[in-house]
Each structure stands twice: as C-alpha cells, then as structure tokens.
Amino acid sequence: MADFEWAIVRAFNTFFEEEKIEAIAYRLRQARFSAQHMDVLVDSRYPEYYLAIECKSLSMEGPLYFKQHFSPDQIDRESRFIELSGRTGVLAIEFRGGRGRSKSARLIPWSVLKEIRDSGASCLSIETLESYPEIPRSRGCYRLSHAIISEVYSACRYRCGDHI
C-alpha cells in the first residue's frame, strides 16, 4: 500500500512542478496505535488542489467492498476530517494487474463513496469505479493532468461545507 501512496504523492508533486502550481502533496505517517486521518494530503491556496486522499490498492480489478477494504469506522472518521479541514476528499484506487498486466489507478470523489455507502450498498461497483478518470501511466509513473483533477473536483459534492 505504501508504494501506491508514494506514487500518488509523486504524481501530484510532478504535476505541480511541471505546471508551476503552488501546491505540495505529502504522505502522512501512520502511527502504530492511533487512527490515521487520511493517507495523503495536498496543501494549496487553490481550492481545486486542497485535497485529502485515501489510497486503496487492490490485487485485481473488481468492486471495492466497504467492510472488506475499510476498517469499521474509517469512512465516518475520514469524512469528519474532510468536513472539519475544508478539504476536498478523494479516493485513489489502484488495481494491481498481476502478472503480465499493468497497474491502473482512478480518482473517485469521496462524496460518491460516502453517498453509496450511506445508501446501504455493500460496495462501489466496477461500473461506478470505471465512470471516473483513469490516471495514465508513463515510464512506470502515474501522470496527472488538469483535466483529471478538474473532473474529479467538479464531481465532488462533499467539499467546503457542501454536504450530501
């Protein structure tokens, strides 16, 4: 998992540097006996880049099950952090393709994850996951763009006090 978190940090910081955007992404260290707020934070004066990112790395492409892939209170705890911090929440999900298949990753608005979980569904379906932008890879690294970030940001309904 930590590899994917670092890959997301690297992708954001490379994007910011190349586009000359004043922002920085960093990974939060996980404390041994306390709950972590989110995996990656992005600080910026621009709301579009003021993010809290939860990373999930799955061994195969398929649904993301809430009970299997999240601890019992994780979604509620992280939703509260997003609300209190004023950040835009994002789920970054990586599918490790396995032998002979390349990795792929997508960015999903946290509000979508929370809305579907709160509706009583057991998972985010593969159709839902595939409806959000895939992060392209180049030379083994994920490559972000304005288009990808803007698409996810505009789809977020759980930002800056705008609750579901």
N, C-alpha and C. Protein backbone atom coordinates (compact mmCIF):
# COMPACT_ATOMS: atom_id res chain seq x y z
N MET A 1 0.82 -1.20 0.00
CA MET A 1 0.00 0.00 0.00
C MET A 1 0.86 1.25 0.00
N ALA A 2 1.93 1.28 0.82
CA ALA A 2 2.75 2.48 0.91
C ALA A 2 3.33 2.85 -0.45
N ASP A 3 3.62 1.87 -1.29
CA ASP A 3 4.15 2.17 -2.62
C ASP A 3 3.15 3.00 -3.43
N PHE A 4 1.87 2.65 -3.36
CA PHE A 4 0.86 3.40 -4.09
C PHE A 4 0.71 4.80 -3.52
N GLU A 5 0.75 4.91 -2.21
CA GLU A 5 0.67 6.24 -1.58
C GLU A 5 1.81 7.13 -2.07
N TRP A 6 3.02 6.59 -2.09
CA TRP A 6 4.16 7.37 -2.57
C TRP A 6 4.01 7.69 -4.05
N ALA A 7 3.46 6.77 -4.82
CA ALA A 7 3.25 7.02 -6.26
C ALA A 7 2.27 8.17 -6.47
N ILE A 8 1.23 8.25 -5.64
CA ILE A 8 0.26 9.35 -5.74
C ILE A 8 0.92 10.68 -5.34
N VAL A 9 1.70 10.67 -4.27
CA VAL A 9 2.43 11.88 -3.86
C VAL A 9 3.33 12.34 -4.99
N ARG A 10 4.08 11.42 -5.57
CA ARG A 10 5.00 11.75 -6.67
C ARG A 10 4.23 12.30 -7.87
N ALA A 11 3.09 11.69 -8.21
CA ALA A 11 2.30 12.14 -9.36
C ALA A 11 1.81 13.57 -9.16
N PHE A 12 1.28 13.86 -7.98
CA PHE A 12 0.81 15.22 -7.71
C PHE A 12 1.96 16.23 -7.72
N ASN A 13 3.07 15.91 -7.04
CA ASN A 13 4.17 16.86 -6.97
C ASN A 13 4.83 17.08 -8.32
N THR A 14 4.92 16.05 -9.14
CA THR A 14 5.44 16.21 -10.51
C THR A 14 4.53 17.11 -11.31
N PHE A 15 3.22 16.88 -11.21
CA PHE A 15 2.24 17.71 -11.91
C PHE A 15 2.37 19.17 -11.46
N PHE A 16 2.43 19.41 -10.15
CA PHE A 16 2.54 20.78 -9.65
C PHE A 16 3.81 21.46 -10.15
N GLU A 17 4.91 20.72 -10.12
CA GLU A 17 6.18 21.29 -10.58
C GLU A 17 6.15 21.61 -12.07
N GLU A 18 5.67 20.67 -12.87
CA GLU A 18 5.62 20.88 -14.32
C GLU A 18 4.68 22.02 -14.71
N GLU A 19 3.58 22.16 -13.98
CA GLU A 19 2.59 23.19 -14.30
C GLU A 19 2.81 24.49 -13.52
N LYS A 20 3.85 24.50 -12.69
CA LYS A 20 4.18 25.67 -11.88
C LYS A 20 3.01 26.12 -10.99
N ILE A 21 2.42 25.13 -10.33
CA ILE A 21 1.31 25.36 -9.41
C ILE A 21 1.86 25.34 -7.98
N GLU A 22 1.50 26.33 -7.20
CA GLU A 22 1.97 26.40 -5.82
C GLU A 22 1.12 25.46 -4.96
N ALA A 23 1.62 24.26 -4.82
CA ALA A 23 0.94 23.23 -4.03
C ALA A 23 1.96 22.15 -3.71
N ILE A 24 1.66 21.37 -2.68
CA ILE A 24 2.55 20.27 -2.30
C ILE A 24 1.71 19.11 -1.77
N ALA A 25 2.06 17.92 -2.20
CA ALA A 25 1.42 16.70 -1.71
C ALA A 25 2.41 16.00 -0.78
N TYR A 26 1.88 15.40 0.27
CA TYR A 26 2.74 14.66 1.19
C TYR A 26 1.95 13.54 1.83
N ARG A 27 2.68 12.52 2.20
CA ARG A 27 2.09 11.33 2.82
C ARG A 27 2.15 11.49 4.33
N LEU A 28 1.05 11.15 4.98
CA LEU A 28 1.03 11.16 6.44
C LEU A 28 1.58 9.83 6.94
N ARG A 29 2.45 9.91 7.91
CA ARG A 29 2.99 8.68 8.50
C ARG A 29 1.91 8.05 9.37
N GLN A 30 1.83 6.76 9.30
CA GLN A 30 0.83 6.05 10.09
C GLN A 30 1.40 5.76 11.47
N ALA A 31 0.70 6.22 12.50
CA ALA A 31 1.10 5.94 13.87
C ALA A 31 0.64 4.54 14.23
N ARG A 32 1.44 3.86 15.01
CA ARG A 32 1.19 2.45 15.28
C ARG A 32 -0.13 2.17 16.00
N PHE A 33 -0.48 2.97 16.98
CA PHE A 33 -1.66 2.68 17.79
C PHE A 33 -2.74 3.75 17.70
N SER A 34 -2.70 4.57 16.68
CA SER A 34 -3.75 5.57 16.53
C SER A 34 -4.25 5.59 15.09
N ALA A 35 -5.46 6.04 14.93
CA ALA A 35 -6.07 6.09 13.60
C ALA A 35 -5.45 7.22 12.78
N GLN A 36 -5.22 6.93 11.53
CA GLN A 36 -4.68 7.92 10.61
C GLN A 36 -5.84 8.67 9.97
N HIS A 37 -5.70 9.99 9.81
CA HIS A 37 -6.79 10.76 9.20
C HIS A 37 -6.98 10.37 7.75
N MET A 38 -5.98 10.54 6.93
CA MET A 38 -6.01 10.19 5.50
C MET A 38 -4.60 9.76 5.13
N ASP A 39 -4.44 9.18 3.95
CA ASP A 39 -3.11 8.72 3.54
C ASP A 39 -2.24 9.84 2.99
N VAL A 40 -2.84 10.70 2.17
CA VAL A 40 -2.09 11.77 1.50
C VAL A 40 -2.87 13.08 1.64
N LEU A 41 -2.15 14.15 1.95
CA LEU A 41 -2.75 15.48 1.96
C LEU A 41 -2.08 16.33 0.89
N VAL A 42 -2.86 17.22 0.31
CA VAL A 42 -2.33 18.19 -0.65
C VAL A 42 -2.68 19.57 -0.12
N ASP A 43 -1.66 20.39 0.06
CA ASP A 43 -1.86 21.76 0.53
C ASP A 43 -1.67 22.72 -0.63
N SER A 44 -2.60 23.65 -0.74
CA SER A 44 -2.54 24.66 -1.78
C SER A 44 -3.50 25.78 -1.42
N ARG A 45 -3.21 26.96 -1.89
CA ARG A 45 -4.15 28.07 -1.69
C ARG A 45 -5.30 27.97 -2.69
N TYR A 46 -5.17 27.11 -3.70
CA TYR A 46 -6.21 26.93 -4.71
C TYR A 46 -7.14 25.80 -4.27
N PRO A 47 -8.43 26.05 -4.12
CA PRO A 47 -9.36 25.04 -3.61
C PRO A 47 -9.34 23.73 -4.40
N GLU A 48 -9.12 23.81 -5.69
CA GLU A 48 -9.10 22.62 -6.54
C GLU A 48 -8.01 21.63 -6.12
N TYR A 49 -6.96 22.15 -5.49
CA TYR A 49 -5.83 21.30 -5.09
C TYR A 49 -5.69 21.15 -3.58
N TYR A 50 -6.68 21.57 -2.83
CA TYR A 50 -6.66 21.42 -1.38
C TYR A 50 -7.38 20.11 -1.06
N LEU A 51 -6.62 19.02 -1.00
CA LEU A 51 -7.21 17.68 -1.02
C LEU A 51 -6.82 16.83 0.18
N ALA A 52 -7.68 15.87 0.48
CA ALA A 52 -7.41 14.78 1.41
C ALA A 52 -7.67 13.50 0.63
N ILE A 53 -6.65 12.64 0.54
CA ILE A 53 -6.74 11.47 -0.33
C ILE A 53 -6.56 10.19 0.48
N GLU A 54 -7.50 9.28 0.32
CA GLU A 54 -7.40 7.93 0.88
C GLU A 54 -6.99 7.01 -0.27
N CYS A 55 -5.96 6.21 -0.06
CA CYS A 55 -5.45 5.32 -1.10
C CYS A 55 -5.80 3.87 -0.79
N LYS A 56 -6.26 3.17 -1.80
CA LYS A 56 -6.53 1.74 -1.70
C LYS A 56 -5.87 1.06 -2.89
N SER A 57 -5.18 -0.03 -2.63
CA SER A 57 -4.52 -0.79 -3.68
C SER A 57 -5.05 -2.22 -3.63
N LEU A 58 -5.70 -2.63 -4.72
CA LEU A 58 -6.32 -3.95 -4.78
C LEU A 58 -5.57 -4.85 -5.76
N SER A 59 -5.56 -6.13 -5.46
CA SER A 59 -4.80 -7.06 -6.29
C SER A 59 -5.45 -7.35 -7.64
N MET A 60 -6.73 -7.08 -7.76
CA MET A 60 -7.39 -7.32 -9.03
C MET A 60 -8.52 -6.32 -9.22
N GLU A 61 -8.91 -6.12 -10.47
CA GLU A 61 -9.98 -5.17 -10.75
C GLU A 61 -11.32 -5.78 -10.34
N GLY A 62 -12.06 -5.04 -9.59
CA GLY A 62 -13.37 -5.50 -9.13
C GLY A 62 -13.96 -4.48 -8.20
N PRO A 63 -15.09 -4.80 -7.58
CA PRO A 63 -15.74 -3.84 -6.68
C PRO A 63 -14.86 -3.54 -5.46
N LEU A 64 -15.11 -2.40 -4.86
CA LEU A 64 -14.44 -2.02 -3.62
C LEU A 64 -15.47 -2.21 -2.50
N TYR A 65 -15.27 -3.25 -1.69
CA TYR A 65 -16.21 -3.58 -0.63
C TYR A 65 -15.91 -2.76 0.62
N PHE A 66 -16.95 -2.14 1.18
CA PHE A 66 -16.77 -1.27 2.34
C PHE A 66 -16.29 -2.04 3.56
N LYS A 67 -16.86 -3.19 3.84
CA LYS A 67 -16.48 -3.94 5.04
C LYS A 67 -15.13 -4.63 4.89
N GLN A 68 -14.77 -4.99 3.68
CA GLN A 68 -13.51 -5.70 3.44
C GLN A 68 -12.32 -4.74 3.33
N HIS A 69 -12.52 -3.60 2.72
CA HIS A 69 -11.40 -2.71 2.40
C HIS A 69 -11.27 -1.50 3.32
N PHE A 70 -12.22 -1.31 4.24
CA PHE A 70 -12.16 -0.20 5.19
C PHE A 70 -12.36 -0.74 6.60
N SER A 71 -11.70 -0.13 7.58
CA SER A 71 -11.94 -0.52 8.97
C SER A 71 -13.34 -0.04 9.36
N PRO A 72 -13.90 -0.56 10.47
CA PRO A 72 -15.30 -0.28 10.80
C PRO A 72 -15.71 1.19 10.82
N ASP A 73 -14.90 2.08 11.37
CA ASP A 73 -15.31 3.49 11.44
C ASP A 73 -14.50 4.39 10.51
N GLN A 74 -13.73 3.81 9.62
CA GLN A 74 -12.80 4.58 8.79
C GLN A 74 -13.49 5.62 7.90
N ILE A 75 -14.55 5.24 7.22
CA ILE A 75 -15.22 6.17 6.31
C ILE A 75 -15.81 7.35 7.09
N ASP A 76 -16.46 7.07 8.21
CA ASP A 76 -17.03 8.15 9.02
C ASP A 76 -15.95 9.06 9.60
N ARG A 77 -14.87 8.46 10.10
CA ARG A 77 -13.77 9.23 10.68
C ARG A 77 -13.12 10.13 9.62
N GLU A 78 -12.86 9.57 8.44
CA GLU A 78 -12.22 10.35 7.38
C GLU A 78 -13.17 11.40 6.80
N SER A 79 -14.46 11.09 6.75
CA SER A 79 -15.45 12.08 6.29
C SER A 79 -15.48 13.27 7.24
N ARG A 80 -15.39 13.00 8.51
CA ARG A 80 -15.36 14.07 9.52
C ARG A 80 -14.11 14.93 9.35
N PHE A 81 -12.97 14.29 9.10
CA PHE A 81 -11.73 15.04 8.87
C PHE A 81 -11.88 15.94 7.65
N ILE A 82 -12.44 15.42 6.58
CA ILE A 82 -12.65 16.20 5.35
C ILE A 82 -13.53 17.41 5.66
N GLU A 83 -14.61 17.17 6.39
CA GLU A 83 -15.54 18.24 6.74
C GLU A 83 -14.86 19.32 7.59
N LEU A 84 -14.14 18.91 8.62
CA LEU A 84 -13.50 19.87 9.52
C LEU A 84 -12.35 20.63 8.87
N SER A 85 -11.63 19.97 7.98
CA SER A 85 -10.45 20.60 7.36
C SER A 85 -10.81 21.47 6.16
N GLY A 86 -12.01 21.28 5.61
CA GLY A 86 -12.40 22.05 4.43
C GLY A 86 -11.77 21.55 3.15
N ARG A 87 -11.16 20.38 3.20
CA ARG A 87 -10.52 19.81 2.02
C ARG A 87 -11.55 19.11 1.14
N THR A 88 -11.16 18.87 -0.09
CA THR A 88 -11.94 18.03 -0.99
C THR A 88 -11.45 16.60 -0.79
N GLY A 89 -12.35 15.69 -0.53
CA GLY A 89 -11.99 14.30 -0.31
C GLY A 89 -11.96 13.51 -1.60
N VAL A 90 -10.92 12.68 -1.73
CA VAL A 90 -10.75 11.86 -2.93
C VAL A 90 -10.30 10.46 -2.51
N LEU A 91 -10.85 9.46 -3.19
CA LEU A 91 -10.37 8.09 -3.06
C LEU A 91 -9.52 7.79 -4.28
N ALA A 92 -8.27 7.43 -4.04
CA ALA A 92 -7.39 6.98 -5.13
C ALA A 92 -7.33 5.47 -5.03
N ILE A 93 -7.74 4.79 -6.08
CA ILE A 93 -7.76 3.33 -6.05
C ILE A 93 -6.88 2.78 -7.16
N GLU A 94 -6.02 1.85 -6.77
CA GLU A 94 -5.10 1.21 -7.72
C GLU A 94 -5.48 -0.25 -7.87
N PHE A 95 -5.48 -0.70 -9.10
CA PHE A 95 -5.67 -2.12 -9.40
C PHE A 95 -4.33 -2.65 -9.88
N ARG A 96 -3.76 -3.56 -9.09
CA ARG A 96 -2.50 -4.19 -9.48
C ARG A 96 -2.86 -5.32 -10.44
N GLY A 97 -2.47 -5.20 -11.66
CA GLY A 97 -2.91 -6.11 -12.71
C GLY A 97 -2.44 -7.54 -12.57
N GLY A 98 -1.41 -7.78 -11.82
CA GLY A 98 -0.89 -9.13 -11.73
C GLY A 98 0.09 -9.39 -12.86
N ARG A 99 0.45 -10.62 -13.02
CA ARG A 99 1.47 -11.00 -13.99
C ARG A 99 1.06 -10.65 -15.41
N GLY A 100 1.90 -9.89 -16.08
CA GLY A 100 1.65 -9.55 -17.47
C GLY A 100 0.65 -8.43 -17.70
N ARG A 101 0.07 -7.92 -16.65
CA ARG A 101 -0.90 -6.82 -16.79
C ARG A 101 -0.38 -5.62 -16.01
N SER A 102 -0.55 -4.46 -16.59
CA SER A 102 -0.05 -3.26 -15.92
C SER A 102 -1.04 -2.76 -14.86
N LYS A 103 -0.51 -1.96 -13.97
CA LYS A 103 -1.34 -1.34 -12.93
C LYS A 103 -2.20 -0.26 -13.55
N SER A 104 -3.31 0.02 -12.90
CA SER A 104 -4.14 1.16 -13.30
C SER A 104 -4.69 1.79 -12.03
N ALA A 105 -4.98 3.08 -12.12
CA ALA A 105 -5.50 3.80 -10.94
C ALA A 105 -6.56 4.79 -11.38
N ARG A 106 -7.46 5.08 -10.46
CA ARG A 106 -8.55 6.03 -10.71
C ARG A 106 -8.72 6.92 -9.49
N LEU A 107 -9.27 8.10 -9.74
CA LEU A 107 -9.62 9.03 -8.66
C LEU A 107 -11.13 9.11 -8.59
N ILE A 108 -11.67 8.88 -7.40
CA ILE A 108 -13.12 8.87 -7.16
C ILE A 108 -13.44 9.94 -6.12
N PRO A 109 -14.44 10.78 -6.35
CA PRO A 109 -14.83 11.75 -5.32
C PRO A 109 -15.25 11.04 -4.03
N TRP A 110 -14.77 11.50 -2.90
CA TRP A 110 -15.13 10.91 -1.61
C TRP A 110 -16.63 10.97 -1.40
N SER A 111 -17.27 12.02 -1.89
CA SER A 111 -18.71 12.18 -1.71
C SER A 111 -19.48 11.03 -2.36
N VAL A 112 -18.97 10.53 -3.46
CA VAL A 112 -19.61 9.40 -4.15
C VAL A 112 -19.50 8.15 -3.29
N LEU A 113 -18.31 7.89 -2.77
CA LEU A 113 -18.09 6.74 -1.89
C LEU A 113 -19.04 6.81 -0.70
N LYS A 114 -19.09 7.98 -0.05
CA LYS A 114 -19.92 8.13 1.15
C LYS A 114 -21.41 8.00 0.83
N GLU A 115 -21.84 8.60 -0.25
CA GLU A 115 -23.25 8.54 -0.64
C GLU A 115 -23.68 7.10 -0.91
N ILE A 116 -22.87 6.36 -1.62
CA ILE A 116 -23.21 4.97 -1.95
C ILE A 116 -23.17 4.11 -0.69
N ARG A 117 -22.17 4.29 0.16
CA ARG A 117 -22.10 3.53 1.41
C ARG A 117 -23.31 3.85 2.29
N ASP A 118 -23.67 5.14 2.40
CA ASP A 118 -24.80 5.55 3.24
C ASP A 118 -26.14 5.07 2.70
N SER A 119 -26.20 4.73 1.41
CA SER A 119 -27.44 4.21 0.82
C SER A 119 -27.69 2.75 1.21
N GLY A 120 -26.69 2.13 1.85
CA GLY A 120 -26.83 0.74 2.26
C GLY A 120 -26.15 -0.25 1.34
N ALA A 121 -25.54 0.23 0.28
CA ALA A 121 -24.83 -0.67 -0.65
C ALA A 121 -23.61 -1.27 0.05
N SER A 122 -23.20 -2.44 -0.40
CA SER A 122 -22.06 -3.11 0.21
C SER A 122 -20.73 -2.75 -0.43
N CYS A 123 -20.79 -2.10 -1.62
CA CYS A 123 -19.55 -1.83 -2.33
C CYS A 123 -19.72 -0.71 -3.35
N LEU A 124 -18.59 -0.24 -3.85
CA LEU A 124 -18.57 0.61 -5.05
C LEU A 124 -18.42 -0.36 -6.21
N SER A 125 -19.37 -0.38 -7.09
CA SER A 125 -19.34 -1.33 -8.20
C SER A 125 -18.24 -0.99 -9.18
N ILE A 126 -17.85 -1.95 -9.98
CA ILE A 126 -16.83 -1.72 -11.00
C ILE A 126 -17.32 -0.67 -12.00
N GLU A 127 -18.62 -0.64 -12.28
CA GLU A 127 -19.18 0.37 -13.20
C GLU A 127 -19.00 1.78 -12.62
N THR A 128 -19.25 1.93 -11.32
CA THR A 128 -19.06 3.23 -10.68
C THR A 128 -17.59 3.62 -10.73
N LEU A 129 -16.72 2.70 -10.37
CA LEU A 129 -15.29 2.99 -10.38
C LEU A 129 -14.81 3.39 -11.77
N GLU A 130 -15.28 2.68 -12.79
CA GLU A 130 -14.84 2.95 -14.16
C GLU A 130 -15.45 4.23 -14.74
N SER A 131 -16.42 4.81 -14.06
CA SER A 131 -17.03 6.04 -14.57
C SER A 131 -16.19 7.28 -14.22
N TYR A 132 -15.14 7.11 -13.45
CA TYR A 132 -14.25 8.21 -13.08
C TYR A 132 -12.91 8.05 -13.78
N PRO A 133 -12.16 9.16 -13.90
CA PRO A 133 -10.97 9.15 -14.75
C PRO A 133 -9.87 8.21 -14.29
N GLU A 134 -9.30 7.54 -15.26
CA GLU A 134 -8.12 6.71 -15.02
C GLU A 134 -6.89 7.62 -15.10
N ILE A 135 -5.96 7.39 -14.21
CA ILE A 135 -4.71 8.15 -14.23
C ILE A 135 -3.75 7.43 -15.17
N PRO A 136 -3.35 8.09 -16.25
CA PRO A 136 -2.43 7.42 -17.18
C PRO A 136 -1.07 7.17 -16.54
N ARG A 137 -0.37 6.18 -17.08
CA ARG A 137 0.98 5.85 -16.62
C ARG A 137 1.96 6.10 -17.76
N SER A 138 3.12 6.59 -17.38
CA SER A 138 4.20 6.79 -18.34
C SER A 138 5.51 6.45 -17.65
N ARG A 139 6.26 5.53 -18.24
CA ARG A 139 7.54 5.10 -17.67
C ARG A 139 7.39 4.64 -16.23
N GLY A 140 6.32 3.92 -15.95
CA GLY A 140 6.10 3.35 -14.63
C GLY A 140 5.55 4.30 -13.59
N CYS A 141 5.25 5.54 -13.98
CA CYS A 141 4.74 6.54 -13.02
C CYS A 141 3.36 7.02 -13.46
N TYR A 142 2.53 7.32 -12.48
CA TYR A 142 1.23 7.91 -12.77
C TYR A 142 1.43 9.37 -13.17
N ARG A 143 0.64 9.84 -14.15
CA ARG A 143 0.76 11.20 -14.68
C ARG A 143 -0.59 11.91 -14.57
N LEU A 144 -0.66 12.92 -13.74
CA LEU A 144 -1.89 13.69 -13.57
C LEU A 144 -1.95 14.84 -14.57
N SER A 145 -3.17 15.32 -14.78
CA SER A 145 -3.39 16.45 -15.68
C SER A 145 -4.47 17.35 -15.10
N HIS A 146 -4.55 18.57 -15.64
CA HIS A 146 -5.62 19.49 -15.22
C HIS A 146 -6.99 18.84 -15.46
N ALA A 147 -7.14 18.17 -16.58
CA ALA A 147 -8.43 17.58 -16.94
C ALA A 147 -8.88 16.55 -15.90
N ILE A 148 -7.98 15.70 -15.47
CA ILE A 148 -8.32 14.66 -14.49
C ILE A 148 -8.72 15.30 -13.16
N ILE A 149 -7.90 16.20 -12.67
CA ILE A 149 -8.17 16.82 -11.38
C ILE A 149 -9.46 17.64 -11.44
N SER A 150 -9.66 18.38 -12.51
CA SER A 150 -10.88 19.19 -12.66
C SER A 150 -12.13 18.33 -12.71
N GLU A 151 -12.05 17.20 -13.40
CA GLU A 151 -13.21 16.31 -13.49
C GLU A 151 -13.60 15.78 -12.12
N VAL A 152 -12.63 15.35 -11.34
CA VAL A 152 -12.92 14.83 -10.01
C VAL A 152 -13.38 15.96 -9.09
N TYR A 153 -12.72 17.09 -9.14
CA TYR A 153 -13.09 18.22 -8.28
C TYR A 153 -14.52 18.68 -8.56
N SER A 154 -14.87 18.80 -9.83
CA SER A 154 -16.22 19.27 -10.16
C SER A 154 -17.28 18.24 -9.79
N ALA A 155 -16.91 16.97 -9.70
CA ALA A 155 -17.85 15.93 -9.31
C ALA A 155 -18.01 15.82 -7.79
N CYS A 156 -17.10 16.42 -7.05
CA CYS A 156 -17.17 16.35 -5.58
C CYS A 156 -18.30 17.21 -5.06
N ARG A 157 -19.15 16.59 -4.28
CA ARG A 157 -20.25 17.32 -3.66
C ARG A 157 -20.05 17.39 -2.15
N TYR A 158 -18.88 16.99 -1.70
CA TYR A 158 -18.61 16.92 -0.27
C TYR A 158 -17.36 17.75 0.02
N ARG A 159 -17.43 19.03 -0.32
CA ARG A 159 -16.27 19.88 -0.11
C ARG A 159 -16.71 21.20 0.52
N CYS A 160 -15.83 21.75 1.29
CA CYS A 160 -16.01 23.10 1.87
C CYS A 160 -17.42 23.31 2.43
N GLY A 161 -17.91 22.33 3.19
CA GLY A 161 -19.21 22.50 3.84
C GLY A 161 -20.40 22.16 2.97
N ASP A 162 -20.18 21.72 1.74
CA ASP A 162 -21.29 21.35 0.85
C ASP A 162 -21.55 19.86 1.04
N HIS A 163 -22.43 19.53 1.97
CA HIS A 163 -22.65 18.13 2.36
C HIS A 163 -23.77 17.49 1.55
N ILE A 164 -23.72 16.18 1.52
CA ILE A 164 -24.74 15.39 0.85
C ILE A 164 -25.99 15.38 1.70
